[in-house]
Protein backbone atom coordinates (compact mmCIF):
# COMPACT_ATOMS: atom_id res chain seq x y z
CA MET A 1 71.83 -57.46 41.79
CA LYS A 2 74.29 -55.72 39.98
CA THR A 3 77.83 -55.37 41.62
CA LEU A 4 80.12 -52.34 40.08
CA SER A 5 83.54 -53.01 39.63
CA LEU A 6 86.12 -50.24 39.93
CA GLU A 7 86.59 -50.47 36.32
CA HIS A 8 83.14 -49.56 36.01
CA ILE A 9 82.68 -46.92 38.18
CA PHE A 10 85.62 -44.59 36.32
CA GLU A 11 84.16 -45.62 33.07
CA LYS A 12 81.12 -44.25 34.12
CA ARG A 13 82.82 -41.11 35.69
CA ASN A 14 85.08 -40.65 32.18
CA SER A 15 81.86 -40.86 29.97
CA SER A 16 79.93 -38.37 31.85
CA LYS A 17 80.34 -34.58 32.08
CA SER A 18 78.42 -34.23 34.96
CA GLY A 19 80.02 -37.16 36.53
CA ARG A 20 82.88 -35.67 36.32
CA ILE A 21 82.02 -32.21 37.96
CA VAL A 22 80.53 -33.96 40.83
CA SER A 23 83.87 -36.13 41.50
CA HIS A 24 85.65 -32.60 41.17
CA LEU A 25 83.66 -31.28 43.22
CA LEU A 26 83.44 -33.88 46.14
CA PHE A 27 87.61 -33.88 45.94
CA TRP A 28 87.73 -30.27 46.75
CA LEU A 29 85.04 -30.66 49.38
CA VAL A 30 87.34 -33.06 51.03
CA VAL A 31 90.12 -31.10 51.05
CA PHE A 32 87.81 -28.05 52.23
CA GLY A 33 86.74 -30.56 55.24
CA SER A 34 89.99 -31.85 56.01
CA SER A 35 91.71 -28.40 56.21
CA PHE A 36 88.75 -27.31 58.55
CA TYR A 37 89.07 -30.74 60.71
CA LEU A 38 92.45 -30.08 61.40
CA ILE A 39 92.18 -26.14 62.46
CA LYS A 40 88.89 -27.69 64.82
CA SER A 41 90.81 -30.80 65.98
CA SER A 42 94.11 -29.00 66.95
CA PHE A 43 95.17 -26.09 68.93
CA ASP A 44 95.20 -22.91 66.53
CA PRO A 45 94.29 -19.85 68.25
CA TYR A 46 91.58 -19.19 65.48
CA ARG A 47 89.86 -22.50 66.00
CA ASP A 48 87.05 -20.83 67.59
CA THR A 49 86.56 -17.61 65.27
CA ALA A 50 85.51 -17.85 61.76
CA LEU A 51 88.66 -18.03 60.28
CA SER A 52 88.33 -21.75 61.19
CA PHE A 53 85.90 -21.93 58.13
CA LEU A 54 87.47 -18.82 56.25
CA SER A 55 90.91 -20.17 55.82
CA PRO A 56 90.26 -23.53 54.76
CA LEU A 57 87.64 -22.02 52.53
CA ARG A 58 90.50 -19.68 50.83
CA TYR A 59 93.13 -22.38 50.70
CA THR A 60 90.85 -24.48 49.08
CA LEU A 61 89.67 -21.83 46.07
CA GLY A 62 93.65 -20.72 46.03
CA ILE A 63 94.60 -24.23 45.55
CA ALA A 64 91.55 -24.79 42.69
CA LEU A 65 92.25 -21.49 40.83
CA PHE A 66 96.09 -22.44 40.58
CA TYR A 67 95.71 -26.00 39.81
CA TYR A 68 92.83 -25.63 36.72
CA PRO A 69 94.91 -23.59 34.86
CA LEU A 70 97.68 -25.06 35.47
CA MET A 71 96.47 -28.80 34.46
CA TYR A 72 94.26 -28.17 31.81
CA ARG A 73 95.86 -24.95 29.98
CA LEU A 74 99.76 -24.66 30.89
CA ILE A 75 101.03 -28.02 30.63
CA PRO A 76 98.94 -29.53 27.59
CA GLN A 77 100.26 -26.22 25.50
CA LEU A 78 103.76 -26.97 26.97
CA LEU A 79 103.59 -30.74 25.40
CA LYS A 80 102.08 -29.58 22.44
CA ASP A 81 104.14 -26.66 21.69
CA LYS A 82 107.42 -27.40 23.83
CA ASN A 83 108.02 -23.62 24.51
CA TRP A 84 109.70 -23.40 27.72
CA PHE A 85 110.19 -19.65 28.05
CA ARG A 86 105.80 -19.42 27.22
CA PHE A 87 105.25 -21.88 29.89
CA PHE A 88 107.63 -19.86 32.05
CA ILE A 89 105.84 -16.46 31.81
CA TYR A 90 102.55 -18.18 31.86
CA LEU A 91 103.50 -20.20 34.91
CA SER A 92 105.22 -16.61 36.93
CA LEU A 93 101.93 -15.16 36.25
CA LEU A 94 99.43 -17.77 37.87
CA ILE A 95 102.09 -17.65 40.68
CA LEU A 96 101.39 -14.24 40.58
CA ILE A 97 97.62 -14.48 40.22
CA TYR A 98 97.42 -16.93 43.68
CA VAL A 99 99.63 -14.65 45.83
CA LEU A 100 97.05 -11.92 44.52
CA PHE A 101 94.37 -13.87 46.05
CA GLU A 102 95.83 -14.76 48.92
CA ALA A 103 96.98 -11.13 49.88
CA ILE A 104 93.47 -10.23 48.93
CA GLY A 105 91.75 -13.34 50.61
CA GLU A 106 93.48 -12.16 54.02
CA LYS A 107 92.86 -8.59 54.18
CA VAL A 108 89.11 -8.81 53.38
CA VAL A 109 88.94 -11.27 56.43
CA PHE A 110 90.61 -9.41 58.74
CA GLU A 111 88.95 -6.07 57.30
CA TYR A 112 85.31 -7.25 58.19
CA CYS A 113 85.69 -10.23 60.80
CA ASP A 114 86.22 -8.52 64.54
CA GLU A 115 87.03 -12.00 66.16
CA CYS A 116 89.96 -12.13 64.01
CA VAL A 117 91.43 -8.95 64.58
CA ALA A 118 90.60 -9.47 68.45
CA GLN A 119 92.22 -12.77 68.44
CA ALA A 120 95.59 -11.57 66.40
CA GLU A 121 96.04 -8.56 68.38
CA GLN A 122 96.57 -10.66 71.51
CA ILE A 123 98.57 -13.43 69.74
CA ASN A 124 100.47 -12.03 66.80
CA PRO A 125 99.83 -8.14 66.58
CA ASP A 126 103.22 -7.72 64.10
CA TYR A 127 101.44 -10.16 61.85
CA LEU A 128 97.72 -8.08 62.12
CA SER A 129 99.66 -4.70 61.79
CA VAL A 130 101.01 -5.83 58.21
CA ILE A 131 97.84 -6.96 56.84
CA GLN A 132 96.00 -3.75 57.67
CA LYS A 133 98.63 -1.77 55.65
CA GLY A 134 98.44 -0.88 52.01
CA LEU A 135 97.68 -3.92 49.45
CA ILE A 136 100.80 -3.67 47.76
CA ASP A 137 102.54 -4.12 51.34
CA ASN A 138 100.51 -7.20 51.29
CA ILE A 139 101.17 -8.61 48.08
CA LEU A 140 105.00 -7.80 48.67
CA PHE A 141 104.45 -9.74 52.15
CA LYS A 142 102.83 -12.89 50.80
CA GLY A 143 105.02 -12.90 47.75
CA SER A 144 108.30 -13.31 50.37
CA GLN A 145 106.88 -15.55 52.49
CA ILE A 146 108.36 -19.31 51.69
CA GLY A 147 105.29 -21.11 53.41
CA LEU A 148 103.19 -19.86 50.89
CA PHE A 149 104.74 -21.56 48.10
CA LEU A 150 105.21 -24.83 50.16
CA ASN A 151 101.22 -24.79 50.48
CA LEU A 152 100.78 -24.50 47.55
CA PHE A 153 102.77 -27.37 46.09
CA SER A 154 101.38 -29.28 48.78
CA GLY A 155 98.14 -28.24 47.72
CA VAL A 156 98.28 -28.87 44.13
CA LEU A 157 100.68 -32.31 44.61
CA LEU A 158 97.81 -34.25 45.76
CA PRO A 159 95.47 -33.61 42.70
CA PHE A 160 98.16 -33.51 40.62
CA ALA A 161 99.08 -37.56 41.34
CA ILE A 162 95.10 -38.35 41.23
CA LYS A 163 94.57 -36.84 37.44
CA ASN A 164 97.92 -38.36 36.36
CA SER A 165 97.12 -41.85 38.17
CA LEU A 166 93.77 -41.76 37.14
CA GLY A 167 95.06 -40.96 33.47
CA TYR A 168 97.32 -43.82 33.87
CA TYR A 169 95.25 -46.36 34.56
CA ARG A 170 92.20 -45.26 31.81
CA ALA A 171 95.43 -45.65 29.28
CA TYR A 172 95.99 -49.10 31.06
CA ALA A 173 92.64 -50.05 30.90
CA GLN A 174 92.00 -48.84 27.50
CA ASN A 175 95.22 -51.23 25.96
CA LEU A 176 93.93 -53.71 28.02
CA GLN A 177 90.83 -53.62 26.30
CA PHE A 178 92.33 -52.95 22.69
CA SER A 179 94.34 -55.71 23.30
CA LYS A 180 91.24 -58.18 24.12
CA ASP A 181 89.21 -56.87 21.48
CA LYS A 182 92.45 -57.04 18.82
CA VAL A 183 92.75 -61.02 20.30
CA GLN A 184 89.23 -61.93 19.43
CA LEU A 185 89.05 -59.75 16.28
CA GLU A 186 92.19 -62.15 15.18
CA LEU A 187 90.81 -65.27 16.33
CA ASN A 188 87.41 -64.44 14.40
CA PHE A 189 89.41 -63.41 11.39
CA LEU A 190 91.34 -66.92 12.20
CA LYS A 191 88.00 -68.35 11.80
CA ALA A 192 86.75 -66.53 8.95
CA GLN A 193 90.30 -66.91 6.63
CA VAL A 194 88.73 -69.62 4.44
CA ASN A 195 85.30 -69.00 3.48
CA PRO A 196 83.50 -72.89 3.77
CA HIS A 197 81.25 -71.92 0.58
CA PHE A 198 84.48 -70.81 -1.43
CA LEU A 199 86.43 -74.31 0.11
CA PHE A 200 83.53 -75.88 -0.81
CA ASN A 201 82.91 -74.79 -4.85
CA THR A 202 86.36 -75.13 -5.11
CA LEU A 203 86.34 -78.83 -4.10
CA ASN A 204 82.89 -79.08 -6.05
CA ASN A 205 84.85 -77.68 -9.05
CA LEU A 206 87.70 -79.99 -8.84
CA TYR A 207 85.37 -82.86 -8.79
CA GLY A 208 83.71 -81.79 -11.77
CA ALA A 209 87.01 -81.33 -13.86
CA ILE A 210 88.41 -84.65 -12.72
CA ILE A 211 84.99 -86.42 -13.88
CA LYS A 212 85.26 -84.57 -16.92
CA LYS A 213 89.20 -85.59 -17.18
CA ARG A 214 90.27 -82.13 -17.36
CA ASN A 215 93.64 -82.55 -16.04
CA ASP A 216 94.95 -79.36 -16.79
CA GLN A 217 92.26 -77.81 -15.21
CA SER A 218 92.23 -80.37 -12.29
CA ALA A 219 95.91 -79.51 -11.89
CA GLU A 220 95.80 -76.21 -11.68
CA ILE A 221 92.99 -76.02 -9.35
CA VAL A 222 94.80 -77.81 -6.84
CA THR A 223 97.94 -75.92 -7.08
CA ARG A 224 96.06 -72.69 -6.65
CA LEU A 225 94.01 -73.84 -3.93
CA SER A 226 97.31 -75.26 -2.29
CA ASP A 227 98.68 -72.08 -2.59
CA PHE A 228 96.09 -70.09 -0.97
CA MET A 229 95.77 -73.06 1.88
CA ARG A 230 99.70 -72.49 2.29
CA TYR A 231 99.77 -68.83 2.61
CA SER A 232 96.75 -68.88 5.09
CA LEU A 233 98.07 -71.16 7.10
CA GLN A 234 101.67 -69.53 7.12
CA ASN A 235 100.94 -66.27 7.28
CA VAL A 236 98.68 -67.29 11.25
CA ASP A 237 101.19 -65.77 13.19
CA ARG A 238 102.09 -62.48 11.13
CA THR A 239 100.76 -59.61 11.79
CA THR A 240 101.80 -58.03 8.35
CA ILE A 241 102.84 -59.30 4.99
CA ALA A 242 104.20 -57.53 1.72
CA LEU A 243 101.74 -55.65 -0.20
CA GLN A 244 103.00 -58.01 -3.76
CA GLU A 245 102.17 -61.28 -1.82
CA GLU A 246 98.64 -60.22 -1.19
CA ILE A 247 98.47 -59.53 -4.65
CA GLU A 248 99.36 -63.19 -5.69
CA LEU A 249 96.89 -64.09 -3.10
CA ILE A 250 94.26 -61.78 -4.68
CA ASN A 251 95.18 -63.22 -8.47
CA ASN A 252 94.75 -66.94 -6.73
CA TYR A 253 91.64 -66.62 -5.10
CA LEU A 254 90.13 -65.02 -8.20
CA GLU A 255 91.14 -67.55 -10.91
CA LEU A 256 89.49 -70.39 -8.27
CA GLU A 257 86.46 -68.64 -8.41
CA LYS A 258 86.36 -67.42 -11.99
CA ILE A 259 86.24 -71.13 -12.61
CA ARG A 260 82.73 -71.59 -10.81
CA MET A 261 81.34 -68.40 -12.53
CA ASN A 262 79.74 -68.85 -16.04
CA HIS A 263 78.95 -65.60 -17.31
CA VAL A 264 80.70 -62.67 -14.99
CA GLU A 265 83.46 -61.42 -16.98
CA VAL A 266 86.02 -60.35 -13.95
CA SER A 267 89.51 -58.10 -13.94
CA PHE A 268 91.90 -57.18 -11.59
CA VAL A 269 94.12 -53.91 -12.69
CA TYR A 270 96.50 -52.66 -10.29
CA GLU A 271 99.55 -50.32 -10.43
CA VAL A 272 101.82 -50.25 -7.36
CA GLN A 273 104.90 -48.44 -6.54
CA ASP A 274 106.33 -50.35 -4.16
CA GLY A 275 105.30 -53.90 -3.33
CA THR A 276 107.16 -54.38 -0.22
CA TYR A 277 104.96 -52.04 1.52
CA GLU A 278 103.47 -53.99 4.98
CA ILE A 279 99.84 -54.46 5.45
CA PRO A 280 97.51 -56.89 7.50
CA PRO A 281 97.34 -60.29 5.63
CA LEU A 282 94.30 -61.17 3.82
CA LEU A 283 93.07 -57.83 4.03
CA PHE A 284 90.91 -57.60 0.95
CA ILE A 285 88.99 -60.58 1.17
CA PRO A 286 86.08 -60.03 2.61
CA LEU A 287 85.35 -57.48 -0.36
CA LEU A 288 86.23 -60.09 -2.56
CA GLU A 289 84.06 -62.94 -1.25
CA ASN A 290 80.98 -60.70 -0.99
CA ALA A 291 81.59 -59.57 -4.55
CA PHE A 292 81.63 -62.93 -5.31
CA LYS A 293 79.06 -64.21 -3.29
CA TYR A 294 76.21 -61.14 -3.97
CA SER A 295 77.63 -61.12 -8.19
CA THR A 296 74.64 -62.70 -10.78
CA ASP A 297 75.78 -65.05 -13.02
CA LYS A 298 74.44 -63.81 -15.99
CA THR A 299 75.64 -62.17 -19.14
CA GLY A 300 77.12 -58.79 -18.69
CA SER A 301 77.69 -59.17 -15.46
CA LYS A 302 80.98 -58.15 -14.15
CA ILE A 303 83.44 -57.75 -11.22
CA VAL A 304 86.05 -54.79 -11.69
CA ILE A 305 88.44 -54.56 -9.14
CA ARG A 306 91.17 -51.92 -9.06
CA MET A 307 94.09 -51.30 -6.98
CA HIS A 308 96.41 -48.14 -6.94
CA GLU A 309 99.16 -47.49 -4.91
CA GLN A 310 101.17 -44.14 -4.96
CA ASP A 311 102.45 -41.58 -2.61
CA GLN A 312 102.11 -43.83 0.66
CA ARG A 313 98.77 -44.37 -0.32
CA LEU A 314 96.94 -47.37 -1.16
CA SER A 315 93.33 -47.49 -2.79
CA PHE A 316 91.77 -50.82 -3.71
CA SER A 317 88.03 -50.46 -5.20
CA ILE A 318 85.66 -53.39 -6.18
CA GLN A 319 82.52 -53.07 -7.89
CA ASN A 320 79.82 -56.07 -9.23
CA ASN A 321 76.24 -56.44 -10.45
CA TYR A 322 74.16 -57.97 -7.88
CA HIS A 323 70.43 -58.58 -7.76
CA ALA A 324 68.13 -55.43 -7.49
CA ASP A 325 65.72 -57.25 -4.82
CA ARG A 326 68.29 -57.47 -2.46
CA SER A 327 69.21 -54.52 0.33
CA LEU A 328 72.31 -52.80 0.97
CA LYS A 329 72.18 -53.58 4.50
CA GLU A 330 72.05 -57.58 3.18
CA ARG A 331 75.38 -56.88 1.42
CA GLY A 332 78.31 -56.23 4.02
CA GLY A 333 77.53 -58.89 6.85
CA PHE A 334 80.01 -60.05 8.98
CA GLY A 335 82.94 -59.81 6.58
CA LEU A 336 82.63 -56.03 5.87
CA THR A 337 82.02 -55.47 9.70
CA ASN A 338 85.16 -57.43 10.49
CA LEU A 339 87.42 -55.72 8.05
CA LYS A 340 86.18 -52.31 9.76
CA LYS A 341 86.86 -53.79 13.07
CA ARG A 342 90.59 -54.50 11.32
CA LEU A 343 91.37 -51.40 9.91
CA ASP A 344 90.22 -49.40 13.30
CA ILE A 345 93.11 -51.29 14.72
CA TYR A 346 95.80 -51.25 12.13
CA TYR A 347 95.17 -48.17 10.20
CA PRO A 348 93.31 -46.07 13.30
CA GLY A 349 92.15 -42.50 11.75
CA LYS A 350 94.15 -43.41 8.35
CA TYR A 351 91.40 -45.20 6.29
CA SER A 352 88.29 -44.99 4.58
CA LEU A 353 85.69 -47.44 3.59
CA GLU A 354 82.89 -46.09 1.56
CA THR A 355 80.21 -48.30 0.21
CA SER A 356 77.30 -47.46 -2.56
CA LYS A 357 74.86 -49.04 -4.83
CA ASN A 358 73.45 -47.31 -8.38
CA ASP A 359 71.39 -49.61 -10.87
CA SER A 360 71.71 -52.88 -9.69
CA VAL A 361 76.01 -52.13 -9.24
CA PHE A 362 77.58 -52.26 -5.84
CA HIS A 363 80.61 -50.04 -5.15
CA ALA A 364 82.81 -50.38 -2.08
CA GLU A 365 86.24 -48.17 -1.86
CA LEU A 366 88.79 -48.59 0.25
CA THR A 367 91.99 -45.99 0.65
CA ILE A 368 94.86 -46.36 3.23
CA LYS A 369 97.38 -44.20 4.09
CA LEU A 370 100.12 -46.92 4.18
CA LEU A 371 102.51 -44.23 6.69
């Protein structure tokens, strides 16, 4: 049998509109029930009259009437605009509405509840005489009662504290999940930093160059592979690196991949105004890996890579010829999925990644707002 954890309950409650509504209704039902119980179990002189029910009902409705505009309208608007004057004006109007509700509610109760009037005539005739006056007198009388505002403050304090506690818990849970996802994502990223196929092909090319006694080419392969591996290992603990370093890595990667391609023309053009911008290391490798993995190695095939950085915006595009019988779904795989997750972590809401295919040409374009 599946057990429900507190985190799971809160998640279900927050993800469902009906769940939130039900939880709110239950809370106010508890508030009403508590007030009703206190009156019934105390020595309140009105405990045997309709007021034992009507007073908790009026109290609960009044607090709810004040609470929701305050928490869901005034305070969010204040945090957004930082306009204290407008907040004070609207808060004053909200307090006035609460006083009106209390004055009208009490006057209506004593207008139609004969047993309440009879009880009030015995224990507090002066108070009854004020209630039986005009509405303006009732409003002024209610507005002058400090106890009314103390009840308002204490009544709003509990739902306010609960809402903020839930908000802090939800933020804590989200940050915890975010950290968990980030750790798992980085672990997957480290595992995929060097594609086994890439390493195998490079070593195979190195072996071929050695057999054919191409010493200069062998030395170049070893140097570039060494630089690539050193870069990967040295940046394991770094969350960002300079854009210029990433460009150097891309150049090394391309030179190593071009060795095994017989007919594919590879070009990399970049225009960077500021190479000191910090980006996640090996960010573009999944796009490069896909391009070489699925490219058709035949005459006329191309892999065209462009990078452009200007006005704090970085664009990276890559296109290549691919086999027409391979679907677009087959092409992305784990690499693009992992890339999107990393982008969601480092650039939430600040990037766009679009892919398309046309006439056996696959195109991917990534745009990032750097600041």
